[in-house]
């Protein structure tokens, strides 16, 4: 007997208007919605690319909270 588990993915939101980022997600076959964050991205945090990406991502997520359904971010 075989059983299957139905897994649903949480909605994917792109907090950017970057055509390249959208193209990359499309190339992976992912479904997503766009909600531009319109933030001033930081150039470099604590001389760390990883810290900069993490902080910019966090700020974008906070910026789109009011634009997406509750629980999606």
PDB file of N, CA and C in Angstrom:
ATOM      1  N   UNK A   1       0.841  -1.171   0.000  1.00  0.00           N
ATOM      2  CA  UNK A   1       0.000   0.000   0.000  1.00  0.00           C
ATOM      3  C   UNK A   1       0.890   1.239   0.000  1.00  0.00           C
ATOM      4  N   UNK A   2       0.499   2.183  -0.802  1.00  0.00           N
ATOM      5  CA  UNK A   2       1.274   3.405  -0.955  1.00  0.00           C
ATOM      6  C   UNK A   2       0.490   4.570  -0.382  1.00  0.00           C
ATOM      7  N   UNK A   3       1.172   5.439   0.310  1.00  0.00           N
ATOM      8  CA  UNK A   3       0.503   6.641   0.822  1.00  0.00           C
ATOM      9  C   UNK A   3       1.287   7.853   0.357  1.00  0.00           C
ATOM     10  N   UNK A   4       0.565   8.904   0.114  1.00  0.00           N
ATOM     11  CA  UNK A   4       1.232  10.136  -0.298  1.00  0.00           C
ATOM     12  C   UNK A   4       0.883  11.233   0.693  1.00  0.00           C
ATOM     13  N   UNK A   5       1.830  12.049   0.915  1.00  0.00           N
ATOM     14  CA  UNK A   5       1.640  13.181   1.814  1.00  0.00           C
ATOM     15  C   UNK A   5       1.567  14.436   0.964  1.00  0.00           C
ATOM     16  N   UNK A   6       0.508  15.174   1.155  1.00  0.00           N
ATOM     17  CA  UNK A   6       0.345  16.417   0.413  1.00  0.00           C
ATOM     18  C   UNK A   6       1.015  17.538   1.201  1.00  0.00           C
ATOM     19  N   UNK A   7       2.030  18.102   0.640  1.00  0.00           N
ATOM     20  CA  UNK A   7       2.739  19.208   1.300  1.00  0.00           C
ATOM     21  C   UNK A   7       2.473  20.478   0.528  1.00  0.00           C
ATOM     22  N   UNK A   8       2.120  21.493   1.243  1.00  0.00           N
ATOM     23  CA  UNK A   8       1.924  22.781   0.587  1.00  0.00           C
ATOM     24  C   UNK A   8       3.066  23.699   0.993  1.00  0.00           C
ATOM     25  N   UNK A   9       3.520  24.444   0.044  1.00  0.00           N
ATOM     26  CA  UNK A   9       4.584  25.413   0.309  1.00  0.00           C
ATOM     27  C   UNK A   9       3.954  26.730   0.726  1.00  0.00           C
ATOM     28  N   UNK A  10       4.604  27.432   1.645  1.00  0.00           N
ATOM     29  CA  UNK A  10       4.116  28.776   1.941  1.00  0.00           C
ATOM     30  C   UNK A  10       4.292  29.655   0.713  1.00  0.00           C
ATOM     31  N   UNK A  11       3.475  30.671   0.571  1.00  0.00           N
ATOM     32  CA  UNK A  11       3.619  31.561  -0.593  1.00  0.00           C
ATOM     33  C   UNK A  11       5.016  32.176  -0.627  1.00  0.00           C
ATOM     34  N   UNK A  12       5.533  32.339  -1.818  1.00  0.00           N
ATOM     35  CA  UNK A  12       6.841  32.950  -2.013  1.00  0.00           C
ATOM     36  C   UNK A  12       6.635  34.369  -2.510  1.00  0.00           C
ATOM     37  N   UNK A  13       7.217  35.305  -1.810  1.00  0.00           N
ATOM     38  CA  UNK A  13       7.115  36.725  -2.169  1.00  0.00           C
ATOM     39  C   UNK A  13       8.494  37.238  -2.529  1.00  0.00           C
ATOM     40  N   UNK A  14       8.583  37.928  -3.645  1.00  0.00           N
ATOM     41  CA  UNK A  14       9.808  38.593  -4.069  1.00  0.00           C
ATOM     42  C   UNK A  14       9.659  40.062  -3.711  1.00  0.00           C
ATOM     43  N   UNK A  15      10.462  40.516  -2.756  1.00  0.00           N
ATOM     44  CA  UNK A  15      10.371  41.898  -2.279  1.00  0.00           C
ATOM     45  C   UNK A  15      11.290  42.800  -3.096  1.00  0.00           C
ATOM     46  N   UNK A  16      11.288  42.587  -4.389  1.00  0.00           N
ATOM     47  CA  UNK A  16      12.176  43.308  -5.300  1.00  0.00           C
ATOM     48  C   UNK A  16      11.509  43.419  -6.664  1.00  0.00           C
ATOM     49  N   UNK A  17      11.829  44.459  -7.379  1.00  0.00           N
ATOM     50  CA  UNK A  17      11.347  44.620  -8.751  1.00  0.00           C
ATOM     51  C   UNK A  17      12.409  44.197  -9.761  1.00  0.00           C
ATOM     52  N   UNK A  18      13.430  43.522  -9.287  1.00  0.00           N
ATOM     53  CA  UNK A  18      14.528  43.111 -10.150  1.00  0.00           C
ATOM     54  C   UNK A  18      14.067  42.077 -11.172  1.00  0.00           C
ATOM     55  N   UNK A  19      14.133  42.421 -12.457  1.00  0.00           N
ATOM     56  CA  UNK A  19      13.757  41.455 -13.484  1.00  0.00           C
ATOM     57  C   UNK A  19      14.636  40.197 -13.434  1.00  0.00           C
ATOM     58  N   UNK A  20      15.888  40.356 -13.095  1.00  0.00           N
ATOM     59  CA  UNK A  20      16.803  39.210 -13.033  1.00  0.00           C
ATOM     60  C   UNK A  20      16.413  38.245 -11.918  1.00  0.00           C
ATOM     61  N   UNK A  21      16.067  38.775 -10.757  1.00  0.00           N
ATOM     62  CA  UNK A  21      15.653  37.893  -9.655  1.00  0.00           C
ATOM     63  C   UNK A  21      14.375  37.152 -10.012  1.00  0.00           C
ATOM     64  N   UNK A  22      13.442  37.839 -10.648  1.00  0.00           N
ATOM     65  CA  UNK A  22      12.200  37.190 -11.083  1.00  0.00           C
ATOM     66  C   UNK A  22      12.516  36.102 -12.109  1.00  0.00           C
ATOM     67  N   UNK A  23      13.437  36.388 -13.013  1.00  0.00           N
ATOM     68  CA  UNK A  23      13.824  35.423 -14.039  1.00  0.00           C
ATOM     69  C   UNK A  23      14.453  34.177 -13.400  1.00  0.00           C
ATOM     70  N   UNK A  24      15.273  34.374 -12.386  1.00  0.00           N
ATOM     71  CA  UNK A  24      15.906  33.246 -11.701  1.00  0.00           C
ATOM     72  C   UNK A  24      14.852  32.350 -11.040  1.00  0.00           C
ATOM     73  N   UNK A  25      13.889  32.966 -10.365  1.00  0.00           N
ATOM     74  CA  UNK A  25      12.832  32.184  -9.716  1.00  0.00           C
ATOM     75  C   UNK A  25      11.989  31.446 -10.746  1.00  0.00           C
ATOM     76  N   UNK A  26      11.676  32.115 -11.845  1.00  0.00           N
ATOM     77  CA  UNK A  26      10.909  31.476 -12.913  1.00  0.00           C
ATOM     78  C   UNK A  26      11.691  30.304 -13.495  1.00  0.00           C
ATOM     79  N   UNK A  27      12.982  30.487 -13.649  1.00  0.00           N
ATOM     80  CA  UNK A  27      13.840  29.429 -14.181  1.00  0.00           C
ATOM     81  C   UNK A  27      13.872  28.193 -13.298  1.00  0.00           C
ATOM     82  N   UNK A  28      13.643  28.397 -12.006  1.00  0.00           N
ATOM     83  CA  UNK A  28      13.581  27.275 -11.069  1.00  0.00           C
ATOM     84  C   UNK A  28      12.191  26.651 -11.022  1.00  0.00           C
ATOM     85  N   UNK A  29      11.264  27.231 -11.769  1.00  0.00           N
ATOM     86  CA  UNK A  29       9.899  26.710 -11.797  1.00  0.00           C
ATOM     87  C   UNK A  29       9.077  27.082 -10.581  1.00  0.00           C
ATOM     88  N   UNK A  30       9.502  28.125  -9.870  1.00  0.00           N
ATOM     89  CA  UNK A  30       8.790  28.542  -8.664  1.00  0.00           C
ATOM     90  C   UNK A  30       7.695  29.540  -8.984  1.00  0.00           C
ATOM     91  N   UNK A  31       6.602  29.420  -8.275  1.00  0.00           N
ATOM     92  CA  UNK A  31       5.528  30.401  -8.383  1.00  0.00           C
ATOM     93  C   UNK A  31       5.748  31.422  -7.284  1.00  0.00           C
ATOM     94  N   UNK A  32       5.591  32.683  -7.629  1.00  0.00           N
ATOM     95  CA  UNK A  32       5.840  33.738  -6.648  1.00  0.00           C
ATOM     96  C   UNK A  32       5.024  34.967  -7.007  1.00  0.00           C
ATOM     97  N   UNK A  33       4.935  35.843  -6.039  1.00  0.00           N
ATOM     98  CA  UNK A  33       4.298  37.136  -6.254  1.00  0.00           C
ATOM     99  C   UNK A  33       5.307  38.217  -5.913  1.00  0.00           C
ATOM    100  N   UNK A  34       5.131  39.359  -6.532  1.00  0.00           N
ATOM    101  CA  UNK A  34       6.063  40.469  -6.323  1.00  0.00           C
ATOM    102  C   UNK A  34       5.407  41.543  -5.459  1.00  0.00           C
ATOM    103  N   UNK A  35       6.124  41.952  -4.427  1.00  0.00           N
ATOM    104  CA  UNK A  35       5.702  43.046  -3.553  1.00  0.00           C
ATOM    105  C   UNK A  35       6.948  43.881  -3.273  1.00  0.00           C
ATOM    106  N   UNK A  36       7.237  44.860  -4.128  1.00  0.00           N
ATOM    107  CA  UNK A  36       8.460  45.647  -3.964  1.00  0.00           C
ATOM    108  C   UNK A  36       8.549  46.299  -2.582  1.00  0.00           C
ATOM    109  N   UNK A  37       9.730  46.201  -1.974  1.00  0.00           N
ATOM    110  CA  UNK A  37       9.930  46.726  -0.630  1.00  0.00           C
ATOM    111  C   UNK A  37      10.239  48.220  -0.614  1.00  0.00           C
ATOM    112  N   UNK A  38      10.866  48.729  -1.651  1.00  0.00           N
ATOM    113  CA  UNK A  38      11.234  50.150  -1.729  1.00  0.00           C
ATOM    114  C   UNK A  38      11.997  50.609  -0.488  1.00  0.00           C
ATOM    115  N   UNK A  39      13.093  49.925  -0.196  1.00  0.00           N
ATOM    116  CA  UNK A  39      13.958  50.338   0.913  1.00  0.00           C
ATOM    117  C   UNK A  39      15.291  50.798   0.349  1.00  0.00           C
ATOM    118  N   UNK A  40      16.025  51.553   1.153  1.00  0.00           N
ATOM    119  CA  UNK A  40      17.394  51.908   0.794  1.00  0.00           C
ATOM    120  C   UNK A  40      18.281  50.772   1.278  1.00  0.00           C
ATOM    121  N   UNK A  41      18.816  49.992   0.338  1.00  0.00           N
ATOM    122  CA  UNK A  41      19.647  48.855   0.714  1.00  0.00           C
ATOM    123  C   UNK A  41      20.991  49.330   1.247  1.00  0.00           C
ATOM    124  N   UNK A  42      21.478  48.613   2.257  1.00  0.00           N
ATOM    125  CA  UNK A  42      22.767  48.917   2.849  1.00  0.00           C
ATOM    126  C   UNK A  42      23.873  48.453   1.916  1.00  0.00           C
ATOM    127  N   UNK A  43      24.971  49.180   1.904  1.00  0.00           N
ATOM    128  CA  UNK A  43      26.104  48.823   1.053  1.00  0.00           C
ATOM    129  C   UNK A  43      26.921  47.689   1.664  1.00  0.00           C
ATOM    130  N   UNK A  44      27.323  47.817   2.908  1.00  0.00           N
ATOM    131  CA  UNK A  44      28.117  46.791   3.568  1.00  0.00           C
ATOM    132  C   UNK A  44      27.948  46.940   5.072  1.00  0.00           C
ATOM    133  N   UNK A  45      27.598  45.857   5.724  1.00  0.00           N
ATOM    134  CA  UNK A  45      27.408  45.856   7.172  1.00  0.00           C
ATOM    135  C   UNK A  45      28.563  45.103   7.808  1.00  0.00           C
ATOM    136  N   UNK A  46      29.261  45.761   8.709  1.00  0.00           N
ATOM    137  CA  UNK A  46      30.346  45.138   9.469  1.00  0.00           C
ATOM    138  C   UNK A  46      31.345  44.392   8.578  1.00  0.00           C
ATOM    139  N   UNK A  47      31.635  44.941   7.413  1.00  0.00           N
ATOM    140  CA  UNK A  47      32.577  44.329   6.472  1.00  0.00           C
ATOM    141  C   UNK A  47      32.231  42.882   6.143  1.00  0.00           C
ATOM    142  N   UNK A  48      30.939  42.557   6.154  1.00  0.00           N
ATOM    143  CA  UNK A  48      30.511  41.186   5.906  1.00  0.00           C
ATOM    144  C   UNK A  48      29.405  41.151   4.863  1.00  0.00           C
ATOM    145  N   UNK A  49      29.659  40.457   3.766  1.00  0.00           N
ATOM    146  CA  UNK A  49      28.640  40.311   2.724  1.00  0.00           C
ATOM    147  C   UNK A  49      27.440  39.562   3.290  1.00  0.00           C
ATOM    148  N   UNK A  50      27.694  38.500   4.061  1.00  0.00           N
ATOM    149  CA  UNK A  50      26.607  37.709   4.645  1.00  0.00           C
ATOM    150  C   UNK A  50      25.732  38.564   5.557  1.00  0.00           C
ATOM    151  N   UNK A  51      26.342  39.379   6.409  1.00  0.00           N
ATOM    152  CA  UNK A  51      25.573  40.243   7.309  1.00  0.00           C
ATOM    153  C   UNK A  51      24.783  41.277   6.525  1.00  0.00           C
ATOM    154  N   UNK A  52      25.348  41.774   5.439  1.00  0.00           N
ATOM    155  CA  UNK A  52      24.667  42.766   4.612  1.00  0.00           C
ATOM    156  C   UNK A  52      23.443  42.157   3.937  1.00  0.00           C
ATOM    157  N   UNK A  53      23.601  40.988   3.350  1.00  0.00           N
ATOM    158  CA  UNK A  53      22.479  40.310   2.689  1.00  0.00           C
ATOM    159  C   UNK A  53      21.389  39.979   3.706  1.00  0.00           C
ATOM    160  N   UNK A  54      21.789  39.492   4.865  1.00  0.00           N
ATOM    161  CA  UNK A  54      20.825  39.148   5.915  1.00  0.00           C
ATOM    162  C   UNK A  54      20.052  40.378   6.363  1.00  0.00           C
ATOM    163  N   UNK A  55      20.741  41.469   6.602  1.00  0.00           N
ATOM    164  CA  UNK A  55      20.074  42.691   7.067  1.00  0.00           C
ATOM    165  C   UNK A  55      19.165  43.272   5.993  1.00  0.00           C
ATOM    166  N   UNK A  56      19.619  43.318   4.746  1.00  0.00           N
ATOM    167  CA  UNK A  56      18.772  43.830   3.662  1.00  0.00           C
ATOM    168  C   UNK A  56      17.530  42.965   3.499  1.00  0.00           C
ATOM    169  N   UNK A  57      17.687  41.651   3.593  1.00  0.00           N
ATOM    170  CA  UNK A  57      16.547  40.742   3.480  1.00  0.00           C
ATOM    171  C   UNK A  57      15.556  40.960   4.613  1.00  0.00           C
ATOM    172  N   UNK A  58      16.075  41.122   5.807  1.00  0.00           N
ATOM    173  CA  UNK A  58      15.221  41.374   6.977  1.00  0.00           C
ATOM    174  C   UNK A  58      14.438  42.678   6.802  1.00  0.00           C
ATOM    175  N   UNK A  59      15.110  43.720   6.360  1.00  0.00           N
ATOM    176  CA  UNK A  59      14.444  45.012   6.168  1.00  0.00           C
ATOM    177  C   UNK A  59      13.386  44.940   5.074  1.00  0.00           C
ATOM    178  N   UNK A  60      13.656  44.180   4.012  1.00  0.00           N
ATOM    179  CA  UNK A  60      12.668  44.020   2.946  1.00  0.00           C
ATOM    180  C   UNK A  60      11.448  43.263   3.453  1.00  0.00           C
ATOM    181  N   UNK A  61      11.674  42.214   4.243  1.00  0.00           N
ATOM    182  CA  UNK A  61      10.552  41.455   4.800  1.00  0.00           C
ATOM    183  C   UNK A  61       9.679  42.350   5.680  1.00  0.00           C
ATOM    184  N   UNK A  62      10.311  43.154   6.512  1.00  0.00           N
ATOM    185  CA  UNK A  62       9.549  44.078   7.361  1.00  0.00           C
ATOM    186  C   UNK A  62       8.766  45.087   6.525  1.00  0.00           C
ATOM    187  N   UNK A  63       9.367  45.545   5.441  1.00  0.00           N
ATOM    188  CA  UNK A  63       8.737  46.566   4.601  1.00  0.00           C
ATOM    189  C   UNK A  63       7.495  46.053   3.881  1.00  0.00           C
ATOM    190  N   UNK A  64       7.445  44.754   3.572  1.00  0.00           N
ATOM    191  CA  UNK A  64       6.286  44.247   2.835  1.00  0.00           C
ATOM    192  C   UNK A  64       5.229  43.608   3.738  1.00  0.00           C
ATOM    193  N   UNK A  65       5.455  43.600   5.031  1.00  0.00           N
ATOM    194  CA  UNK A  65       4.498  42.984   5.965  1.00  0.00           C
ATOM    195  C   UNK A  65       3.071  43.483   5.740  1.00  0.00           C
ATOM    196  N   UNK A  66       2.920  44.765   5.522  1.00  0.00           N
ATOM    197  CA  UNK A  66       1.568  45.327   5.367  1.00  0.00           C
ATOM    198  C   UNK A  66       0.982  45.083   3.985  1.00  0.00           C
ATOM    199  N   UNK A  67       1.787  44.584   3.042  1.00  0.00           N
ATOM    200  CA  UNK A  67       1.329  44.385   1.670  1.00  0.00           C
ATOM    201  C   UNK A  67       0.870  42.949   1.382  1.00  0.00           C
ATOM    202  N   UNK A  68       1.225  42.012   2.256  1.00  0.00           N
ATOM    203  CA  UNK A  68       0.924  40.606   1.997  1.00  0.00           C
ATOM    204  C   UNK A  68       0.012  40.062   3.078  1.00  0.00           C
ATOM    205  N   UNK A  69      -0.686  38.958   2.792  1.00  0.00           N
ATOM    206  CA  UNK A  69      -1.574  38.366   3.793  1.00  0.00           C
ATOM    207  C   UNK A  69      -0.829  37.969   5.069  1.00  0.00           C
ATOM    208  N   UNK A  70      -1.502  38.075   6.183  1.00  0.00           N
ATOM    209  CA  UNK A  70      -0.918  37.717   7.474  1.00  0.00           C
ATOM    210  C   UNK A  70      -0.384  36.288   7.439  1.00  0.00           C
ATOM    211  N   UNK A  71       0.804  36.095   7.990  1.00  0.00           N
ATOM    212  CA  UNK A  71       1.396  34.774   8.051  1.00  0.00           C
ATOM    213  C   UNK A  71       2.272  34.405   6.870  1.00  0.00           C
ATOM    214  N   UNK A  72       2.279  35.201   5.829  1.00  0.00           N
ATOM    215  CA  UNK A  72       3.080  34.887   4.646  1.00  0.00           C
ATOM    216  C   UNK A  72       4.536  35.295   4.771  1.00  0.00           C
ATOM    217  N   UNK A  73       4.831  36.224   5.654  1.00  0.00           N
ATOM    218  CA  UNK A  73       6.214  36.695   5.785  1.00  0.00           C
ATOM    219  C   UNK A  73       6.784  36.189   7.088  1.00  0.00           C
TER     220      UNK A  73
END
